[in-house]
Amino acid sequence: MSLDLLIPFGILLALVIYLIFTRNAFEKQMLNHYEGKFDEWKTHNTLEVKEDDKKELVGLLYKQHYKYHLEVFEEKELEIINVSKINIKEMT
C-alpha cells in the first residue's frame, strides 16, 4: 500500500525538479538575450548630454506688512538687478 503513494510522489518530485531546471535555463537565456540587446543599443545610441545654465541663488525676497524686501548677497548682483529686466515665475 505504501508503494501506491510512492510512485505518484516520485513522478511529482521528478516533474518539479525538471521544471526548476528548465526555468533556470530559460531565465539565463532571456538574460543573455536582453544583455545582448542592451549592448547593441549602447553602440547605436547617440545620446548627447545637454548642459543647462545652472541657477544661482543671489538673494532672498521677503514680504513684510504688505511690502516686499529683496536682500542681495553681493553688491554687483544689486547693480545687475537695477539694470536688467526681471522675469517672474509663479511656483504654485
N, C-alpha and C. Protein backbone atom coordinates (compact mmCIF):
# COMPACT_ATOMS: atom_id res chain seq x y z
N MET A 1 0.80 -1.19 0.00
CA MET A 1 0.00 0.00 0.00
C MET A 1 0.85 1.27 0.00
N SER A 2 1.99 1.24 0.65
CA SER A 2 2.86 2.40 0.66
C SER A 2 3.47 2.63 -0.72
N LEU A 3 3.56 1.59 -1.51
CA LEU A 3 4.07 1.71 -2.87
C LEU A 3 3.10 2.47 -3.76
N ASP A 4 1.82 2.44 -3.44
CA ASP A 4 0.81 3.16 -4.23
C ASP A 4 1.03 4.68 -4.18
N LEU A 5 1.45 5.20 -3.04
CA LEU A 5 1.69 6.64 -2.92
C LEU A 5 3.10 7.04 -3.32
N LEU A 6 4.02 6.11 -3.30
CA LEU A 6 5.41 6.42 -3.62
C LEU A 6 5.59 6.73 -5.10
N ILE A 7 4.89 6.04 -5.98
CA ILE A 7 5.03 6.26 -7.43
C ILE A 7 4.52 7.66 -7.83
N PRO A 8 3.32 8.11 -7.44
CA PRO A 8 2.90 9.47 -7.81
C PRO A 8 3.77 10.55 -7.17
N PHE A 9 4.21 10.31 -5.95
CA PHE A 9 5.09 11.29 -5.30
C PHE A 9 6.43 11.38 -6.04
N GLY A 10 6.96 10.26 -6.49
CA GLY A 10 8.21 10.26 -7.26
C GLY A 10 8.04 10.97 -8.59
N ILE A 11 6.91 10.74 -9.26
CA ILE A 11 6.64 11.43 -10.53
C ILE A 11 6.51 12.93 -10.29
N LEU A 12 5.83 13.32 -9.22
CA LEU A 12 5.66 14.74 -8.89
C LEU A 12 7.01 15.37 -8.57
N LEU A 13 7.84 14.69 -7.82
CA LEU A 13 9.16 15.21 -7.48
C LEU A 13 10.03 15.37 -8.73
N ALA A 14 9.98 14.39 -9.61
CA ALA A 14 10.75 14.48 -10.85
C ALA A 14 10.25 15.64 -11.71
N LEU A 15 8.96 15.85 -11.77
CA LEU A 15 8.39 16.95 -12.54
C LEU A 15 8.80 18.31 -11.97
N VAL A 16 8.78 18.43 -10.66
CA VAL A 16 9.19 19.69 -10.03
C VAL A 16 10.65 19.98 -10.30
N ILE A 17 11.50 18.99 -10.18
CA ILE A 17 12.93 19.19 -10.44
C ILE A 17 13.15 19.57 -11.91
N TYR A 18 12.45 18.92 -12.81
CA TYR A 18 12.57 19.26 -14.24
C TYR A 18 12.14 20.70 -14.50
N LEU A 19 11.03 21.11 -13.91
CA LEU A 19 10.54 22.47 -14.12
C LEU A 19 11.48 23.52 -13.53
N ILE A 20 12.10 23.23 -12.40
CA ILE A 20 13.06 24.16 -11.81
C ILE A 20 14.25 24.34 -12.74
N PHE A 21 14.81 23.26 -13.26
CA PHE A 21 15.97 23.37 -14.14
C PHE A 21 15.63 24.04 -15.46
N THR A 22 14.48 23.75 -16.03
CA THR A 22 14.11 24.40 -17.30
C THR A 22 13.84 25.88 -17.09
N ARG A 23 13.28 26.26 -15.95
CA ARG A 23 13.04 27.68 -15.69
C ARG A 23 14.37 28.41 -15.54
N ASN A 24 15.31 27.83 -14.81
CA ASN A 24 16.62 28.47 -14.67
C ASN A 24 17.30 28.63 -16.03
N ALA A 25 17.20 27.62 -16.87
CA ALA A 25 17.80 27.70 -18.21
C ALA A 25 17.11 28.80 -19.03
N PHE A 26 15.79 28.88 -18.92
CA PHE A 26 15.06 29.91 -19.66
C PHE A 26 15.43 31.31 -19.18
N GLU A 27 15.55 31.49 -17.86
CA GLU A 27 15.92 32.81 -17.32
C GLU A 27 17.31 33.21 -17.78
N LYS A 28 18.27 32.27 -17.79
CA LYS A 28 19.62 32.59 -18.26
C LYS A 28 19.61 32.95 -19.74
N GLN A 29 18.80 32.24 -20.52
CA GLN A 29 18.70 32.52 -21.94
C GLN A 29 18.12 33.91 -22.17
N MET A 30 17.07 34.26 -21.45
CA MET A 30 16.46 35.58 -21.61
C MET A 30 17.39 36.69 -21.14
N LEU A 31 18.11 36.45 -20.05
CA LEU A 31 19.06 37.43 -19.55
C LEU A 31 20.16 37.69 -20.58
N ASN A 32 20.69 36.64 -21.16
CA ASN A 32 21.72 36.81 -22.19
C ASN A 32 21.16 37.53 -23.41
N HIS A 33 19.94 37.23 -23.78
CA HIS A 33 19.30 37.88 -24.92
C HIS A 33 19.17 39.38 -24.68
N TYR A 34 18.65 39.77 -23.51
CA TYR A 34 18.44 41.19 -23.24
C TYR A 34 19.75 41.92 -22.96
N GLU A 35 20.76 41.24 -22.43
CA GLU A 35 22.07 41.87 -22.29
C GLU A 35 22.66 42.15 -23.67
N GLY A 36 22.47 41.22 -24.61
CA GLY A 36 22.93 41.45 -25.98
C GLY A 36 22.20 42.61 -26.63
N LYS A 37 20.88 42.68 -26.40
CA LYS A 37 20.12 43.81 -26.94
C LYS A 37 20.57 45.13 -26.33
N PHE A 38 20.89 45.13 -25.04
CA PHE A 38 21.35 46.34 -24.37
C PHE A 38 22.70 46.78 -24.91
N ASP A 39 23.61 45.82 -25.12
CA ASP A 39 24.91 46.16 -25.70
C ASP A 39 24.75 46.71 -27.12
N GLU A 40 23.83 46.14 -27.89
CA GLU A 40 23.56 46.64 -29.24
C GLU A 40 22.98 48.05 -29.19
N TRP A 41 22.11 48.30 -28.22
CA TRP A 41 21.52 49.63 -28.08
C TRP A 41 22.58 50.65 -27.71
N LYS A 42 23.53 50.25 -26.84
CA LYS A 42 24.58 51.19 -26.44
C LYS A 42 25.45 51.58 -27.62
N THR A 43 25.69 50.66 -28.56
CA THR A 43 26.53 51.01 -29.70
C THR A 43 25.80 51.94 -30.66
N HIS A 44 24.49 51.81 -30.78
CA HIS A 44 23.73 52.63 -31.72
C HIS A 44 23.16 53.90 -31.10
N ASN A 45 23.27 54.05 -29.81
CA ASN A 45 22.69 55.21 -29.13
C ASN A 45 23.58 56.42 -29.34
N THR A 46 22.97 57.53 -29.68
CA THR A 46 23.71 58.78 -29.86
C THR A 46 23.17 59.83 -28.90
N LEU A 47 23.19 59.50 -27.64
CA LEU A 47 22.67 60.40 -26.62
C LEU A 47 23.66 61.53 -26.39
N GLU A 48 23.18 62.74 -26.50
CA GLU A 48 24.01 63.90 -26.25
C GLU A 48 23.59 64.53 -24.94
N VAL A 49 24.55 64.75 -24.08
CA VAL A 49 24.25 65.36 -22.79
C VAL A 49 24.21 66.86 -22.97
N LYS A 50 23.06 67.44 -22.66
CA LYS A 50 22.91 68.89 -22.78
C LYS A 50 23.10 69.51 -21.40
N GLU A 51 23.97 70.49 -21.35
CA GLU A 51 24.22 71.15 -20.09
C GLU A 51 23.43 72.45 -20.07
N ASP A 52 22.52 72.54 -19.13
CA ASP A 52 21.72 73.75 -18.98
C ASP A 52 22.46 74.74 -18.10
N ASP A 53 22.03 76.00 -18.23
CA ASP A 53 22.59 77.01 -17.34
C ASP A 53 22.15 76.72 -15.92
N LYS A 54 23.08 76.78 -15.02
CA LYS A 54 22.80 76.50 -13.62
C LYS A 54 22.19 77.73 -12.96
N LYS A 55 21.24 77.47 -12.09
CA LYS A 55 20.66 78.57 -11.33
C LYS A 55 21.55 78.87 -10.14
N GLU A 56 21.64 80.14 -9.81
CA GLU A 56 22.48 80.54 -8.69
C GLU A 56 21.66 81.44 -7.77
N LEU A 57 21.73 81.15 -6.49
CA LEU A 57 21.00 81.94 -5.51
C LEU A 57 21.78 83.22 -5.24
N VAL A 58 21.16 84.39 -5.54
CA VAL A 58 21.86 85.66 -5.36
C VAL A 58 21.18 86.54 -4.32
N GLY A 59 19.97 86.17 -3.91
CA GLY A 59 19.28 86.99 -2.93
C GLY A 59 18.01 86.33 -2.45
N LEU A 60 17.40 86.96 -1.48
CA LEU A 60 16.16 86.45 -0.90
C LEU A 60 15.09 87.54 -0.97
N LEU A 61 13.85 87.13 -1.20
CA LEU A 61 12.73 88.05 -1.29
C LEU A 61 11.78 87.76 -0.14
N TYR A 62 11.48 88.77 0.66
CA TYR A 62 10.59 88.63 1.80
C TYR A 62 9.39 89.55 1.65
N LYS A 63 8.28 89.16 2.25
CA LYS A 63 7.10 90.01 2.30
C LYS A 63 6.84 90.31 3.77
N GLN A 64 6.78 91.61 4.07
CA GLN A 64 6.56 92.03 5.45
C GLN A 64 5.64 93.24 5.45
N HIS A 65 4.48 93.10 6.09
CA HIS A 65 3.49 94.17 6.17
C HIS A 65 3.13 94.72 4.80
N TYR A 66 2.80 93.82 3.88
CA TYR A 66 2.37 94.16 2.51
C TYR A 66 3.45 94.85 1.69
N LYS A 67 4.70 94.77 2.11
CA LYS A 67 5.81 95.33 1.34
C LYS A 67 6.80 94.20 1.06
N TYR A 68 7.45 94.27 -0.09
CA TYR A 68 8.42 93.27 -0.47
C TYR A 68 9.83 93.80 -0.23
N HIS A 69 10.67 92.96 0.34
CA HIS A 69 12.06 93.33 0.64
C HIS A 69 12.97 92.32 -0.05
N LEU A 70 13.92 92.83 -0.81
CA LEU A 70 14.87 91.98 -1.51
C LEU A 70 16.23 92.15 -0.87
N GLU A 71 16.79 91.04 -0.38
CA GLU A 71 18.13 91.06 0.20
C GLU A 71 19.08 90.35 -0.76
N VAL A 72 20.11 91.06 -1.17
CA VAL A 72 21.07 90.55 -2.14
C VAL A 72 22.37 90.24 -1.41
N PHE A 73 23.01 89.15 -1.78
CA PHE A 73 24.22 88.72 -1.08
C PHE A 73 25.45 89.53 -1.48
N GLU A 74 25.52 90.02 -2.72
CA GLU A 74 26.70 90.76 -3.18
C GLU A 74 26.25 92.06 -3.85
N GLU A 75 27.10 93.07 -3.79
CA GLU A 75 26.80 94.39 -4.36
C GLU A 75 26.65 94.34 -5.88
N LYS A 76 27.47 93.56 -6.54
CA LYS A 76 27.43 93.52 -8.01
C LYS A 76 26.09 92.96 -8.50
N GLU A 77 25.50 92.04 -7.75
CA GLU A 77 24.20 91.49 -8.12
C GLU A 77 23.12 92.56 -8.01
N LEU A 78 23.23 93.44 -7.06
CA LEU A 78 22.27 94.53 -6.90
C LEU A 78 22.33 95.47 -8.10
N GLU A 79 23.52 95.73 -8.60
CA GLU A 79 23.67 96.58 -9.79
C GLU A 79 23.04 95.91 -11.01
N ILE A 80 23.23 94.61 -11.14
CA ILE A 80 22.67 93.88 -12.28
C ILE A 80 21.14 93.89 -12.20
N ILE A 81 20.60 93.73 -11.02
CA ILE A 81 19.14 93.74 -10.85
C ILE A 81 18.57 95.10 -11.17
N ASN A 82 19.25 96.17 -10.81
CA ASN A 82 18.77 97.51 -11.10
C ASN A 82 18.75 97.79 -12.60
N VAL A 83 19.68 97.23 -13.35
CA VAL A 83 19.79 97.49 -14.78
C VAL A 83 18.89 96.56 -15.61
N SER A 84 18.79 95.32 -15.22
CA SER A 84 18.13 94.34 -16.06
C SER A 84 16.64 94.21 -15.77
N LYS A 85 15.97 93.55 -16.71
CA LYS A 85 14.56 93.23 -16.51
C LYS A 85 14.50 91.97 -15.67
N ILE A 86 13.44 91.83 -14.89
CA ILE A 86 13.31 90.67 -14.01
C ILE A 86 12.18 89.80 -14.52
N ASN A 87 12.45 88.51 -14.70
CA ASN A 87 11.43 87.54 -15.07
C ASN A 87 10.82 86.96 -13.80
N ILE A 88 9.51 86.98 -13.72
CA ILE A 88 8.82 86.48 -12.54
C ILE A 88 8.09 85.20 -12.94
N LYS A 89 8.32 84.14 -12.20
CA LYS A 89 7.72 82.85 -12.48
C LYS A 89 6.93 82.41 -11.25
N GLU A 90 5.67 82.02 -11.48
CA GLU A 90 4.83 81.57 -10.37
C GLU A 90 5.13 80.10 -10.07
N MET A 91 5.35 79.78 -8.83
CA MET A 91 5.78 78.43 -8.43
C MET A 91 4.66 77.67 -7.70
N THR A 92 3.42 77.79 -8.14
CA THR A 92 2.34 77.11 -7.43
C THR A 92 2.18 75.70 -7.89
